[in-house]
Amino acid sequence: MKVFVIGATGVIGREAVPRLRAAGHEVGVLDRHTTSMFDATQLAAAFTGYDAVVNLATRIPLSAKAVLASAWAENNRIRTEGSAAVAEAARVAGVGRVVQEGISFVYADGGDRELDEDAPLKPVGHIASSVRAQENVLAHPGGVFLRIGMLVGGEAQSPPVLVGDGWMSVVHPGDAAAAAVAVLDAPPGIYNVGSPVLKRDMGITRLPRFVGGLAASFEVFSRSQRVVSRKLTEATGWEPRR
């Protein structure tokens, strides 16, 4: 399969490209100097001749400024305008499969209940753009949307604190990349990617739950989200390795 990757230099992209090649796929990557991911016409020209597009582009703020809504503006644009342009360009270029990264933090607090892909969502603040990206990619007949847990390990930089003491979905970047490769042959739709662990077992400083009400970014990490990935495993055989 010929696969075009956007975000090839990111934390997941750097893991995905060699896995795609190892699986026998021919890989092309976005050249940001010549092609804008916000320009559907330019993207359609770049996508021509490809069987699939994997969009792993993000711009996650890693400093203390991450608590500010303004720090997420570029990431929100990538997930909203960017994903819309990618999906439209793939349609015009006749690409059969579009894979879009997203996050599992969009789920509402589920307590100790397992949360599959049909569980209620609560997309507030900067995480709402992930739901917009989902809507954009699923408008494509071959669209696949990945709700990826917190990246832990490898080159991922986890947040310095978590709020509360419930569940959190986590995944190694290499396992998230493996999921992006695996769904190239899966039915279209939404797939969770991660493993549920208790926050107390994650080795990250935890703050009292009431702190979650102070900012949207903290509120997200105050939720208990016991997200399960059985659908992905049943469809592709994917399982976390790390």
C-alpha atoms as a PDB file:
ATOM      1  CA  MET A   1       0.000   0.000   0.000  1.00  0.00           C
ATOM      2  CA  LYS A   2       1.175   3.567  -0.692  1.00  0.00           C
ATOM      3  CA  VAL A   3       0.761   5.581   2.531  1.00  0.00           C
ATOM      4  CA  PHE A   4       1.161   9.344   2.927  1.00  0.00           C
ATOM      5  CA  VAL A   5       2.064  10.477   6.460  1.00  0.00           C
ATOM      6  CA  ILE A   6       1.447  13.934   7.919  1.00  0.00           C
ATOM      7  CA  GLY A   7       3.300  14.640  11.150  1.00  0.00           C
ATOM      8  CA  ALA A   8       6.109  12.211  10.353  1.00  0.00           C
ATOM      9  CA  THR A   9       8.554  14.050  12.633  1.00  0.00           C
ATOM     10  CA  GLY A  10       6.261  14.037  15.684  1.00  0.00           C
ATOM     11  CA  VAL A  11       6.387  11.683  18.665  1.00  0.00           C
ATOM     12  CA  ILE A  12       4.038   9.138  17.062  1.00  0.00           C
ATOM     13  CA  GLY A  13       5.079   9.864  13.475  1.00  0.00           C
ATOM     14  CA  ARG A  14       8.719   8.988  14.142  1.00  0.00           C
ATOM     15  CA  GLU A  15       7.539   5.600  15.375  1.00  0.00           C
ATOM     16  CA  ALA A  16       4.973   5.087  12.619  1.00  0.00           C
ATOM     17  CA  VAL A  17       7.120   5.632   9.527  1.00  0.00           C
ATOM     18  CA  PRO A  18       9.592   2.777  10.165  1.00  0.00           C
ATOM     19  CA  ARG A  19       6.719   0.485  11.145  1.00  0.00           C
ATOM     20  CA  LEU A  20       4.915   1.237   7.906  1.00  0.00           C
ATOM     21  CA  ARG A  21       8.031   0.476   5.900  1.00  0.00           C
ATOM     22  CA  ALA A  22       8.687  -2.705   7.877  1.00  0.00           C
ATOM     23  CA  ALA A  23       5.158  -3.819   7.022  1.00  0.00           C
ATOM     24  CA  GLY A  24       5.971  -3.421   3.325  1.00  0.00           C
ATOM     25  CA  HIS A  25       4.202  -0.126   2.679  1.00  0.00           C
ATOM     26  CA  GLU A  26       5.623   2.616   0.459  1.00  0.00           C
ATOM     27  CA  VAL A  27       5.728   5.816   2.508  1.00  0.00           C
ATOM     28  CA  GLY A  28       5.556   9.456   1.499  1.00  0.00           C
ATOM     29  CA  VAL A  29       5.656  12.366   3.952  1.00  0.00           C
ATOM     30  CA  LEU A  30       4.408  15.944   3.969  1.00  0.00           C
ATOM     31  CA  ASP A  31       6.984  18.559   2.999  1.00  0.00           C
ATOM     32  CA  ARG A  32       5.846  21.628   4.940  1.00  0.00           C
ATOM     33  CA  HIS A  33       8.060  23.867   2.779  1.00  0.00           C
ATOM     34  CA  THR A  34       6.055  23.094  -0.350  1.00  0.00           C
ATOM     35  CA  THR A  35       2.664  21.879   0.910  1.00  0.00           C
ATOM     36  CA  SER A  36       0.406  23.350   3.595  1.00  0.00           C
ATOM     37  CA  MET A  37      -1.787  20.951   5.534  1.00  0.00           C
ATOM     38  CA  PHE A  38      -4.421  23.703   5.543  1.00  0.00           C
ATOM     39  CA  ASP A  39      -4.610  23.913   1.735  1.00  0.00           C
ATOM     40  CA  ALA A  40      -6.835  21.176   0.320  1.00  0.00           C
ATOM     41  CA  THR A  41      -5.750  21.864  -3.262  1.00  0.00           C
ATOM     42  CA  GLN A  42      -2.060  21.462  -2.463  1.00  0.00           C
ATOM     43  CA  LEU A  43      -2.784  18.362  -0.374  1.00  0.00           C
ATOM     44  CA  ALA A  44      -4.860  16.744  -3.120  1.00  0.00           C
ATOM     45  CA  ALA A  45      -1.934  17.086  -5.509  1.00  0.00           C
ATOM     46  CA  ALA A  46       0.409  15.544  -2.932  1.00  0.00           C
ATOM     47  CA  PHE A  47      -2.029  12.681  -2.170  1.00  0.00           C
ATOM     48  CA  THR A  48      -2.568  11.664  -5.802  1.00  0.00           C
ATOM     49  CA  GLY A  49      -1.566   8.055  -6.329  1.00  0.00           C
ATOM     50  CA  TYR A  50      -1.666   7.141  -2.637  1.00  0.00           C
ATOM     51  CA  ASP A  51      -3.926   4.498  -1.114  1.00  0.00           C
ATOM     52  CA  ALA A  52      -4.029   5.928   2.410  1.00  0.00           C
ATOM     53  CA  VAL A  53      -3.278   9.070   4.387  1.00  0.00           C
ATOM     54  CA  VAL A  54      -2.262   8.944   8.055  1.00  0.00           C
ATOM     55  CA  ASN A  55      -2.578  12.319   9.791  1.00  0.00           C
ATOM     56  CA  LEU A  56      -0.553  12.374  13.023  1.00  0.00           C
ATOM     57  CA  ALA A  57       0.102  16.124  13.109  1.00  0.00           C
ATOM     58  CA  THR A  58      -0.207  17.969  16.439  1.00  0.00           C
ATOM     59  CA  ARG A  59       1.278  21.000  18.175  1.00  0.00           C
ATOM     60  CA  ILE A  60       0.981  20.202  21.885  1.00  0.00           C
ATOM     61  CA  PRO A  61       2.239  22.921  24.263  1.00  0.00           C
ATOM     62  CA  LEU A  62       4.647  21.341  26.742  1.00  0.00           C
ATOM     63  CA  SER A  63       5.503  24.264  29.009  1.00  0.00           C
ATOM     64  CA  ALA A  64       3.589  25.667  31.974  1.00  0.00           C
ATOM     65  CA  LYS A  65       1.680  27.768  29.422  1.00  0.00           C
ATOM     66  CA  ALA A  66      -0.347  24.639  28.628  1.00  0.00           C
ATOM     67  CA  VAL A  67      -2.855  25.755  31.281  1.00  0.00           C
ATOM     68  CA  LEU A  68      -3.703  28.754  29.075  1.00  0.00           C
ATOM     69  CA  ALA A  69      -6.313  28.375  26.362  1.00  0.00           C
ATOM     70  CA  SER A  70      -4.256  30.553  23.998  1.00  0.00           C
ATOM     71  CA  ALA A  71      -1.374  28.062  24.097  1.00  0.00           C
ATOM     72  CA  TRP A  72      -3.571  25.493  22.341  1.00  0.00           C
ATOM     73  CA  ALA A  73      -4.578  27.691  19.403  1.00  0.00           C
ATOM     74  CA  GLU A  74      -2.229  26.137  16.841  1.00  0.00           C
ATOM     75  CA  ASN A  75      -3.029  22.581  17.931  1.00  0.00           C
ATOM     76  CA  ASN A  76      -6.744  23.369  17.706  1.00  0.00           C
ATOM     77  CA  ARG A  77      -6.289  24.744  14.194  1.00  0.00           C
ATOM     78  CA  ILE A  78      -4.393  21.622  13.123  1.00  0.00           C
ATOM     79  CA  ARG A  79      -7.164  19.401  14.444  1.00  0.00           C
ATOM     80  CA  THR A  80     -10.031  21.446  13.003  1.00  0.00           C
ATOM     81  CA  GLU A  81      -8.990  23.249   9.813  1.00  0.00           C
ATOM     82  CA  GLY A  82      -6.151  20.833   9.111  1.00  0.00           C
ATOM     83  CA  SER A  83      -8.181  17.649   9.442  1.00  0.00           C
ATOM     84  CA  ALA A  84     -10.952  19.138   7.288  1.00  0.00           C
ATOM     85  CA  ALA A  85      -8.482  19.978   4.519  1.00  0.00           C
ATOM     86  CA  VAL A  86      -6.899  16.513   4.734  1.00  0.00           C
ATOM     87  CA  ALA A  87     -10.255  14.721   4.493  1.00  0.00           C
ATOM     88  CA  GLU A  88     -11.419  16.868   1.571  1.00  0.00           C
ATOM     89  CA  ALA A  89      -8.112  16.474  -0.272  1.00  0.00           C
ATOM     90  CA  ALA A  90      -8.208  12.707   0.209  1.00  0.00           C
ATOM     91  CA  ARG A  91     -11.703  12.612  -1.283  1.00  0.00           C
ATOM     92  CA  VAL A  92     -10.654  14.663  -4.301  1.00  0.00           C
ATOM     93  CA  ALA A  93      -7.486  12.589  -4.832  1.00  0.00           C
ATOM     94  CA  GLY A  94      -9.379   9.293  -4.572  1.00  0.00           C
ATOM     95  CA  VAL A  95      -7.569   8.104  -1.439  1.00  0.00           C
ATOM     96  CA  GLY A  96      -9.469   5.168   0.045  1.00  0.00           C
ATOM     97  CA  ARG A  97      -8.369   5.338   3.676  1.00  0.00           C
ATOM     98  CA  VAL A  98      -7.783   8.309   5.996  1.00  0.00           C
ATOM     99  CA  VAL A  99      -6.477   7.759   9.535  1.00  0.00           C
ATOM    100  CA  GLN A 100      -6.704  10.689  11.956  1.00  0.00           C
ATOM    101  CA  GLU A 101      -5.123  10.897  15.407  1.00  0.00           C
ATOM    102  CA  GLY A 102      -7.195  12.148  18.332  1.00  0.00           C
ATOM    103  CA  ILE A 103      -7.345  11.825  22.102  1.00  0.00           C
ATOM    104  CA  SER A 104      -9.276   9.722  24.593  1.00  0.00           C
ATOM    105  CA  PHE A 105      -9.556  12.588  27.105  1.00  0.00           C
ATOM    106  CA  VAL A 106     -12.837  13.605  25.444  1.00  0.00           C
ATOM    107  CA  TYR A 107     -14.769  11.011  27.481  1.00  0.00           C
ATOM    108  CA  ALA A 108     -16.874  12.183  30.398  1.00  0.00           C
ATOM    109  CA  ASP A 109     -15.962  10.965  33.881  1.00  0.00           C
ATOM    110  CA  GLY A 110     -16.900   7.300  34.029  1.00  0.00           C
ATOM    111  CA  GLY A 111     -15.860   6.406  37.560  1.00  0.00           C
ATOM    112  CA  ASP A 112     -14.885   2.743  37.572  1.00  0.00           C
ATOM    113  CA  ARG A 113     -16.967   1.865  34.500  1.00  0.00           C
ATOM    114  CA  GLU A 114     -15.205   0.681  31.365  1.00  0.00           C
ATOM    115  CA  LEU A 115     -15.524   3.214  28.547  1.00  0.00           C
ATOM    116  CA  ASP A 116     -15.783   1.907  25.002  1.00  0.00           C
ATOM    117  CA  GLU A 117     -16.178   3.965  21.841  1.00  0.00           C
ATOM    118  CA  ASP A 118     -19.900   4.557  22.539  1.00  0.00           C
ATOM    119  CA  ALA A 119     -19.384   6.041  26.031  1.00  0.00           C
ATOM    120  CA  PRO A 120     -20.573   9.640  26.640  1.00  0.00           C
ATOM    121  CA  LEU A 121     -18.240  12.481  25.703  1.00  0.00           C
ATOM    122  CA  LYS A 122     -17.568  15.810  27.409  1.00  0.00           C
ATOM    123  CA  PRO A 123     -15.489  17.835  24.927  1.00  0.00           C
ATOM    124  CA  VAL A 124     -14.689  21.134  26.648  1.00  0.00           C
ATOM    125  CA  GLY A 125     -11.894  23.653  26.227  1.00  0.00           C
ATOM    126  CA  HIS A 126      -8.936  22.610  24.109  1.00  0.00           C
ATOM    127  CA  ILE A 127     -10.051  18.974  23.789  1.00  0.00           C
ATOM    128  CA  ALA A 128     -13.154  19.939  21.806  1.00  0.00           C
ATOM    129  CA  SER A 129     -11.009  20.222  18.673  1.00  0.00           C
ATOM    130  CA  SER A 130     -10.442  16.463  18.798  1.00  0.00           C
ATOM    131  CA  VAL A 131     -14.170  15.892  18.326  1.00  0.00           C
ATOM    132  CA  ARG A 132     -14.162  18.293  15.383  1.00  0.00           C
ATOM    133  CA  ALA A 133     -11.330  16.291  13.846  1.00  0.00           C
ATOM    134  CA  GLN A 134     -13.349  13.129  14.369  1.00  0.00           C
ATOM    135  CA  GLU A 135     -16.352  14.619  12.564  1.00  0.00           C
ATOM    136  CA  ASN A 136     -14.157  15.735   9.678  1.00  0.00           C
ATOM    137  CA  VAL A 137     -12.440  12.407   9.086  1.00  0.00           C
ATOM    138  CA  LEU A 138     -15.575  10.292   9.500  1.00  0.00           C
ATOM    139  CA  ALA A 139     -17.198  12.315   6.713  1.00  0.00           C
ATOM    140  CA  HIS A 140     -14.761  10.441   4.451  1.00  0.00           C
ATOM    141  CA  PRO A 141     -16.112   6.961   3.567  1.00  0.00           C
ATOM    142  CA  GLY A 142     -12.820   5.350   4.548  1.00  0.00           C
ATOM    143  CA  GLY A 143     -12.246   7.460   7.645  1.00  0.00           C
ATOM    144  CA  VAL A 144     -10.704   6.022  10.817  1.00  0.00           C
ATOM    145  CA  PHE A 145     -10.402   8.060  13.994  1.00  0.00           C
ATOM    146  CA  LEU A 146      -8.058   7.024  16.819  1.00  0.00           C
ATOM    147  CA  ARG A 147      -8.834   8.109  20.383  1.00  0.00           C
ATOM    148  CA  ILE A 148      -5.334   7.802  21.794  1.00  0.00           C
ATOM    149  CA  GLY A 149      -4.573   7.775  25.520  1.00  0.00           C
ATOM    150  CA  MET A 150      -1.858   9.736  27.293  1.00  0.00           C
ATOM    151  CA  LEU A 151       1.501   9.058  25.663  1.00  0.00           C
ATOM    152  CA  VAL A 152       3.892   7.606  28.231  1.00  0.00           C
ATOM    153  CA  GLY A 153       7.462   6.492  27.582  1.00  0.00           C
ATOM    154  CA  GLY A 154       9.785   6.874  24.632  1.00  0.00           C
ATOM    155  CA  GLU A 155      10.053  10.502  23.538  1.00  0.00           C
ATOM    156  CA  ALA A 156       6.675  11.458  25.002  1.00  0.00           C
ATOM    157  CA  GLN A 157       6.570  14.161  27.643  1.00  0.00           C
ATOM    158  CA  SER A 158       3.797  13.436  30.121  1.00  0.00           C
ATOM    159  CA  PRO A 159       2.134  16.248  32.064  1.00  0.00           C
ATOM    160  CA  PRO A 160       3.824  16.905  35.411  1.00  0.00           C
ATOM    161  CA  VAL A 161       0.610  16.450  37.399  1.00  0.00           C
ATOM    162  CA  LEU A 162      -2.681  14.603  37.364  1.00  0.00           C
ATOM    163  CA  VAL A 163      -5.796  15.603  39.251  1.00  0.00           C
ATOM    164  CA  GLY A 164      -7.803  13.107  41.253  1.00  0.00           C
ATOM    165  CA  ASP A 165      -7.183   9.421  41.822  1.00  0.00           C
ATOM    166  CA  GLY A 166      -9.261   7.618  39.202  1.00  0.00           C
ATOM    167  CA  TRP A 167      -8.434   5.899  35.916  1.00  0.00           C
ATOM    168  CA  MET A 168      -6.432   7.172  32.932  1.00  0.00           C
ATOM    169  CA  SER A 169      -5.795   5.599  29.529  1.00  0.00           C
ATOM    170  CA  VAL A 170      -2.084   5.475  28.650  1.00  0.00           C
ATOM    171  CA  VAL A 171      -0.081   4.161  25.711  1.00  0.00           C
ATOM    172  CA  HIS A 172       3.540   4.101  24.558  1.00  0.00           C
ATOM    173  CA  PRO A 173       4.153   6.118  21.355  1.00  0.00           C
ATOM    174  CA  GLY A 174       5.353   2.950  19.643  1.00  0.00           C
ATOM    175  CA  ASP A 175       2.095   1.174  20.453  1.00  0.00           C
ATOM    176  CA  ALA A 176       0.076   4.183  19.257  1.00  0.00           C
ATOM    177  CA  ALA A 177       2.054   4.087  16.005  1.00  0.00           C
ATOM    178  CA  ALA A 178       1.406   0.353  15.674  1.00  0.00           C
ATOM    179  CA  ALA A 179      -2.311   1.068  16.000  1.00  0.00           C
ATOM    180  CA  ALA A 180      -2.139   3.623  13.176  1.00  0.00           C
ATOM    181  CA  VAL A 181      -0.554   0.971  10.971  1.00  0.00           C
ATOM    182  CA  ALA A 182      -2.981  -1.764  12.034  1.00  0.00           C
ATOM    183  CA  VAL A 183      -6.132   0.206  11.173  1.00  0.00           C
ATOM    184  CA  LEU A 184      -5.113   0.611   7.549  1.00  0.00           C
ATOM    185  CA  ASP A 185      -6.958  -2.682   7.015  1.00  0.00           C
ATOM    186  CA  ALA A 186      -9.687  -2.225   9.648  1.00  0.00           C
ATOM    187  CA  PRO A 187     -13.314  -1.223   9.061  1.00  0.00           C
ATOM    188  CA  PRO A 188     -13.872   2.554   9.103  1.00  0.00           C
ATOM    189  CA  GLY A 189     -14.886   4.118  12.404  1.00  0.00           C
ATOM    190  CA  ILE A 190     -13.602   5.081  15.843  1.00  0.00           C
ATOM    191  CA  TYR A 191     -11.046   3.083  17.827  1.00  0.00           C
ATOM    192  CA  ASN A 192      -9.682   3.613  21.333  1.00  0.00           C
ATOM    193  CA  VAL A 193      -5.917   3.181  21.660  1.00  0.00           C
ATOM    194  CA  GLY A 194      -4.547   2.632  25.142  1.00  0.00           C
ATOM    195  CA  SER A 195      -4.661   0.706  28.390  1.00  0.00           C
ATOM    196  CA  PRO A 196      -6.491   1.798  31.558  1.00  0.00           C
ATOM    197  CA  VAL A 197      -4.341   2.288  34.653  1.00  0.00           C
ATOM    198  CA  LEU A 198      -5.015   3.914  38.003  1.00  0.00           C
ATOM    199  CA  LYS A 199      -3.426   7.330  38.361  1.00  0.00           C
ATOM    200  CA  ARG A 200      -1.840   6.299  41.651  1.00  0.00           C
ATOM    201  CA  ASP A 201       0.209   3.744  39.705  1.00  0.00           C
ATOM    202  CA  MET A 202       1.574   6.193  37.134  1.00  0.00           C
ATOM    203  CA  GLY A 203       4.333   7.832  39.162  1.00  0.00           C
ATOM    204  CA  ILE A 204       3.070  11.327  38.344  1.00  0.00           C
ATOM    205  CA  THR A 205       2.353  13.936  40.996  1.00  0.00           C
ATOM    206  CA  ARG A 206      -1.357  14.078  41.796  1.00  0.00           C
ATOM    207  CA  LEU A 207      -3.263  17.163  42.914  1.00  0.00           C
ATOM    208  CA  PRO A 208      -6.559  17.258  44.832  1.00  0.00           C
ATOM    209  CA  ARG A 209      -9.649  16.868  42.653  1.00  0.00           C
ATOM    210  CA  PHE A 210     -10.949  20.382  43.448  1.00  0.00           C
ATOM    211  CA  VAL A 211      -7.985  21.818  41.530  1.00  0.00           C
ATOM    212  CA  GLY A 212      -9.571  20.466  38.365  1.00  0.00           C
ATOM    213  CA  GLY A 213     -12.142  23.222  38.447  1.00  0.00           C
ATOM    214  CA  LEU A 214      -9.549  25.973  38.121  1.00  0.00           C
ATOM    215  CA  ALA A 215      -8.744  25.486  34.423  1.00  0.00           C
ATOM    216  CA  ALA A 216     -10.097  23.452  31.535  1.00  0.00           C
ATOM    217  CA  SER A 217      -6.774  21.667  31.073  1.00  0.00           C
ATOM    218  CA  PHE A 218      -6.777  20.539  34.726  1.00  0.00           C
ATOM    219  CA  GLU A 219     -10.469  19.603  34.613  1.00  0.00           C
ATOM    220  CA  VAL A 220      -9.750  17.111  31.855  1.00  0.00           C
ATOM    221  CA  PHE A 221      -7.139  15.366  33.988  1.00  0.00           C
ATOM    222  CA  SER A 222      -9.512  15.254  36.951  1.00  0.00           C
ATOM    223  CA  ARG A 223     -11.800  12.786  35.178  1.00  0.00           C
ATOM    224  CA  SER A 224     -11.745   9.059  35.763  1.00  0.00           C
ATOM    225  CA  GLN A 225     -11.568   7.442  32.315  1.00  0.00           C
ATOM    226  CA  ARG A 226     -11.244   3.668  32.277  1.00  0.00           C
ATOM    227  CA  VAL A 227     -10.971   3.539  28.501  1.00  0.00           C
ATOM    228  CA  VAL A 228     -10.771   0.092  26.884  1.00  0.00           C
ATOM    229  CA  SER A 229      -9.446  -0.830  23.440  1.00  0.00           C
ATOM    230  CA  ARG A 230     -11.179  -4.161  22.836  1.00  0.00           C
ATOM    231  CA  LYS A 231     -12.704  -2.978  19.551  1.00  0.00           C
ATOM    232  CA  LEU A 232      -9.249  -2.271  18.116  1.00  0.00           C
ATOM    233  CA  THR A 233      -7.867  -5.598  19.316  1.00  0.00           C
ATOM    234  CA  GLU A 234     -10.809  -7.545  17.913  1.00  0.00           C
ATOM    235  CA  ALA A 235     -10.606  -5.759  14.555  1.00  0.00           C
ATOM    236  CA  THR A 236      -6.832  -5.890  14.044  1.00  0.00           C
ATOM    237  CA  GLY A 237      -5.145  -8.060  16.688  1.00  0.00           C
ATOM    238  CA  TRP A 238      -3.424  -4.949  18.112  1.00  0.00           C
ATOM    239  CA  GLU A 239      -2.265  -5.152  21.694  1.00  0.00           C
ATOM    240  CA  PRO A 240       0.034  -2.828  23.682  1.00  0.00           C
ATOM    241  CA  ARG A 241       3.567  -4.206  23.829  1.00  0.00           C
ATOM    242  CA  ARG A 242       5.094  -1.777  26.356  1.00  0.00           C
END
